[in-house]
C-alpha atoms as a PDB file:
ATOM      1  CA  MET A   1      60.582 -44.522   5.485  1.00  0.00           C
ATOM      2  CA  GLY A   2      64.280 -44.772   6.119  1.00  0.00           C
ATOM      3  CA  VAL A   3      64.808 -41.304   4.962  1.00  0.00           C
ATOM      4  CA  PHE A   4      62.789 -39.853   7.815  1.00  0.00           C
ATOM      5  CA  VAL A   5      64.303 -40.202  11.251  1.00  0.00           C
ATOM      6  CA  THR A   6      61.798 -41.807  13.818  1.00  0.00           C
ATOM      7  CA  ASP A   7      60.944 -40.047  17.044  1.00  0.00           C
ATOM      8  CA  PRO A   8      61.860 -41.731  20.421  1.00  0.00           C
ATOM      9  CA  MET A   9      59.491 -44.467  21.505  1.00  0.00           C
ATOM     10  CA  THR A  10      58.817 -42.524  24.592  1.00  0.00           C
ATOM     11  CA  ALA A  11      57.431 -39.531  22.715  1.00  0.00           C
ATOM     12  CA  PRO A  12      53.772 -39.053  23.114  1.00  0.00           C
ATOM     13  CA  PRO A  13      51.658 -39.205  19.821  1.00  0.00           C
ATOM     14  CA  ASP A  14      50.795 -35.474  20.136  1.00  0.00           C
ATOM     15  CA  ALA A  15      54.452 -34.557  20.311  1.00  0.00           C
ATOM     16  CA  LEU A  16      55.656 -36.266  17.108  1.00  0.00           C
ATOM     17  CA  THR A  17      57.759 -34.309  14.715  1.00  0.00           C
ATOM     18  CA  THR A  18      56.998 -34.029  10.998  1.00  0.00           C
ATOM     19  CA  HIS A  19      59.800 -36.571  10.195  1.00  0.00           C
ATOM     20  CA  GLY A  20      58.445 -38.894  12.838  1.00  0.00           C
ATOM     21  CA  VAL A  21      54.920 -38.684  11.289  1.00  0.00           C
ATOM     22  CA  LEU A  22      56.211 -39.204   7.810  1.00  0.00           C
ATOM     23  CA  HIS A  23      58.252 -42.250   9.120  1.00  0.00           C
ATOM     24  CA  VAL A  24      55.125 -43.796  10.569  1.00  0.00           C
ATOM     25  CA  ILE A  25      52.930 -43.121   7.512  1.00  0.00           C
ATOM     26  CA  PHE A  26      55.447 -44.496   4.955  1.00  0.00           C
ATOM     27  CA  GLY A  27      56.377 -47.416   7.261  1.00  0.00           C
ATOM     28  CA  ALA A  28      52.812 -48.511   7.846  1.00  0.00           C
ATOM     29  CA  SER A  29      52.048 -48.148   4.103  1.00  0.00           C
ATOM     30  CA  ALA A  30      55.005 -50.337   3.212  1.00  0.00           C
ATOM     31  CA  LEU A  31      54.164 -52.943   5.863  1.00  0.00           C
ATOM     32  CA  VAL A  32      50.588 -53.291   4.705  1.00  0.00           C
ATOM     33  CA  LEU A  33      50.867 -52.810   0.938  1.00  0.00           C
ATOM     34  CA  LEU A  34      53.976 -54.845   0.181  1.00  0.00           C
ATOM     35  CA  PRO A  35      52.239 -58.352   0.602  1.00  0.00           C
ATOM     36  CA  ALA A  36      49.636 -57.545  -2.012  1.00  0.00           C
ATOM     37  CA  ALA A  37      52.361 -56.246  -4.418  1.00  0.00           C
ATOM     38  CA  ALA A  38      54.427 -59.340  -3.654  1.00  0.00           C
ATOM     39  CA  LEU A  39      51.557 -61.617  -4.766  1.00  0.00           C
ATOM     40  CA  LEU A  40      51.051 -59.813  -8.025  1.00  0.00           C
ATOM     41  CA  ILE A  41      54.839 -59.367  -8.792  1.00  0.00           C
ATOM     42  CA  THR A  42      55.645 -63.020  -7.886  1.00  0.00           C
ATOM     43  CA  ARG A  43      52.681 -64.339  -9.799  1.00  0.00           C
ATOM     44  CA  SER A  44      53.696 -62.448 -12.858  1.00  0.00           C
ATOM     45  CA  LEU A  45      57.239 -63.743 -12.634  1.00  0.00           C
ATOM     46  CA  ALA A  46      56.136 -67.379 -12.028  1.00  0.00           C
ATOM     47  CA  ARG A  47      54.310 -67.307 -15.337  1.00  0.00           C
ATOM     48  CA  ALA A  48      57.575 -66.555 -17.089  1.00  0.00           C
ATOM     49  CA  HIS A  49      58.993 -69.965 -16.105  1.00  0.00           C
ATOM     50  CA  PRO A  50      57.815 -73.197 -17.641  1.00  0.00           C
ATOM     51  CA  ALA A  51      54.742 -74.756 -16.126  1.00  0.00           C
ATOM     52  CA  GLY A  52      55.614 -77.381 -13.519  1.00  0.00           C
ATOM     53  CA  SER A  53      59.258 -76.227 -13.188  1.00  0.00           C
ATOM     54  CA  ARG A  54      61.001 -76.033  -9.792  1.00  0.00           C
ATOM     55  CA  ASP A  55      61.548 -72.366 -10.105  1.00  0.00           C
ATOM     56  CA  GLN A  56      57.804 -71.811 -10.683  1.00  0.00           C
ATOM     57  CA  ALA A  57      56.926 -73.797  -7.613  1.00  0.00           C
ATOM     58  CA  VAL A  58      59.491 -71.827  -5.463  1.00  0.00           C
ATOM     59  CA  LEU A  59      58.115 -68.548  -6.759  1.00  0.00           C
ATOM     60  CA  ARG A  60      54.508 -69.640  -5.991  1.00  0.00           C
ATOM     61  CA  GLY A  61      55.469 -70.590  -2.438  1.00  0.00           C
ATOM     62  CA  VAL A  62      57.663 -67.464  -1.807  1.00  0.00           C
ATOM     63  CA  ALA A  63      54.698 -65.176  -2.977  1.00  0.00           C
ATOM     64  CA  LEU A  64      52.937 -66.061   0.255  1.00  0.00           C
ATOM     65  CA  LEU A  65      55.985 -65.156   2.604  1.00  0.00           C
ATOM     66  CA  PRO A  66      55.239 -61.486   3.020  1.00  0.00           C
ATOM     67  CA  LEU A  67      51.579 -62.055   3.599  1.00  0.00           C
ATOM     68  CA  ALA A  68      52.389 -64.772   6.138  1.00  0.00           C
ATOM     69  CA  GLY A  69      54.749 -62.519   7.875  1.00  0.00           C
ATOM     70  CA  LEU A  70      52.057 -59.708   7.979  1.00  0.00           C
ATOM     71  CA  LEU A  71      49.486 -62.029   9.428  1.00  0.00           C
ATOM     72  CA  LEU A  72      51.834 -63.688  11.932  1.00  0.00           C
ATOM     73  CA  ILE A  73      53.785 -60.631  13.206  1.00  0.00           C
ATOM     74  CA  TRP A  74      52.161 -57.277  12.387  1.00  0.00           C
ATOM     75  CA  VAL A  75      48.452 -58.217  12.940  1.00  0.00           C
ATOM     76  CA  PRO A  76      49.185 -59.614  16.515  1.00  0.00           C
ATOM     77  CA  GLU A  77      51.252 -56.549  17.266  1.00  0.00           C
ATOM     78  CA  VAL A  78      48.462 -54.185  16.267  1.00  0.00           C
ATOM     79  CA  ALA A  79      45.908 -56.414  18.165  1.00  0.00           C
ATOM     80  CA  GLY A  80      48.064 -56.110  21.273  1.00  0.00           C
ATOM     81  CA  LEU A  81      48.880 -59.854  21.444  1.00  0.00           C
ATOM     82  CA  ILE A  82      52.668 -59.307  21.236  1.00  0.00           C
ATOM     83  CA  PRO A  83      54.661 -56.411  22.737  1.00  0.00           C
ATOM     84  CA  THR A  84      55.397 -53.406  20.572  1.00  0.00           C
ATOM     85  CA  GLY A  85      58.680 -51.494  20.547  1.00  0.00           C
ATOM     86  CA  GLY A  86      59.529 -51.551  16.915  1.00  0.00           C
ATOM     87  CA  TRP A  87      61.108 -55.108  16.804  1.00  0.00           C
ATOM     88  CA  PRO A  88      57.981 -56.769  15.182  1.00  0.00           C
ATOM     89  CA  ASP A  89      58.207 -54.253  12.322  1.00  0.00           C
ATOM     90  CA  ARG A  90      61.810 -54.849  11.830  1.00  0.00           C
ATOM     91  CA  VAL A  91      61.312 -58.645  11.752  1.00  0.00           C
ATOM     92  CA  LEU A  92      58.642 -58.147   9.238  1.00  0.00           C
ATOM     93  CA  PHE A  93      60.916 -55.987   7.038  1.00  0.00           C
ATOM     94  CA  LEU A  94      63.517 -58.773   7.377  1.00  0.00           C
ATOM     95  CA  ILE A  95      60.933 -61.184   5.958  1.00  0.00           C
ATOM     96  CA  TYR A  96      60.212 -58.892   3.241  1.00  0.00           C
ATOM     97  CA  THR A  97      63.906 -58.594   2.476  1.00  0.00           C
ATOM     98  CA  VAL A  98      64.069 -62.416   2.268  1.00  0.00           C
ATOM     99  CA  TRP A  99      61.242 -62.341  -0.300  1.00  0.00           C
ATOM    100  CA  VAL A 100      63.265 -59.826  -2.389  1.00  0.00           C
ATOM    101  CA  VAL A 101      66.478 -62.001  -2.306  1.00  0.00           C
ATOM    102  CA  VAL A 102      64.746 -65.148  -3.320  1.00  0.00           C
ATOM    103  CA  LEU A 103      62.754 -63.226  -6.029  1.00  0.00           C
ATOM    104  CA  ALA A 104      66.070 -61.767  -7.386  1.00  0.00           C
ATOM    105  CA  ARG A 105      67.661 -65.205  -7.540  1.00  0.00           C
ATOM    106  CA  LYS A 106      64.798 -66.761  -9.333  1.00  0.00           C
ATOM    107  CA  ALA A 107      64.110 -63.932 -11.693  1.00  0.00           C
END
């Protein structure tokens, strides 16, 4: 998604460039698919730690972080409950980044 430059927010949908369309497609895919991948990846890594350990508990808790972000930020944005403008998506990617950092520290 970051490889493709986005079109201005004021551009009408029928005037999007190829780069703008690819930015939207890959960005939406990443926003929606990462929570499912996060659950599977984190669950797999949690099994590598001893049962009942603190690291395993942290990993099980952080596995829900991307899903919670998706449900609390992106779904209300799509439903029109919070204003759009690109900032909710960026906050969501920040939450995903926090997940990656915690995962890297515990793996």
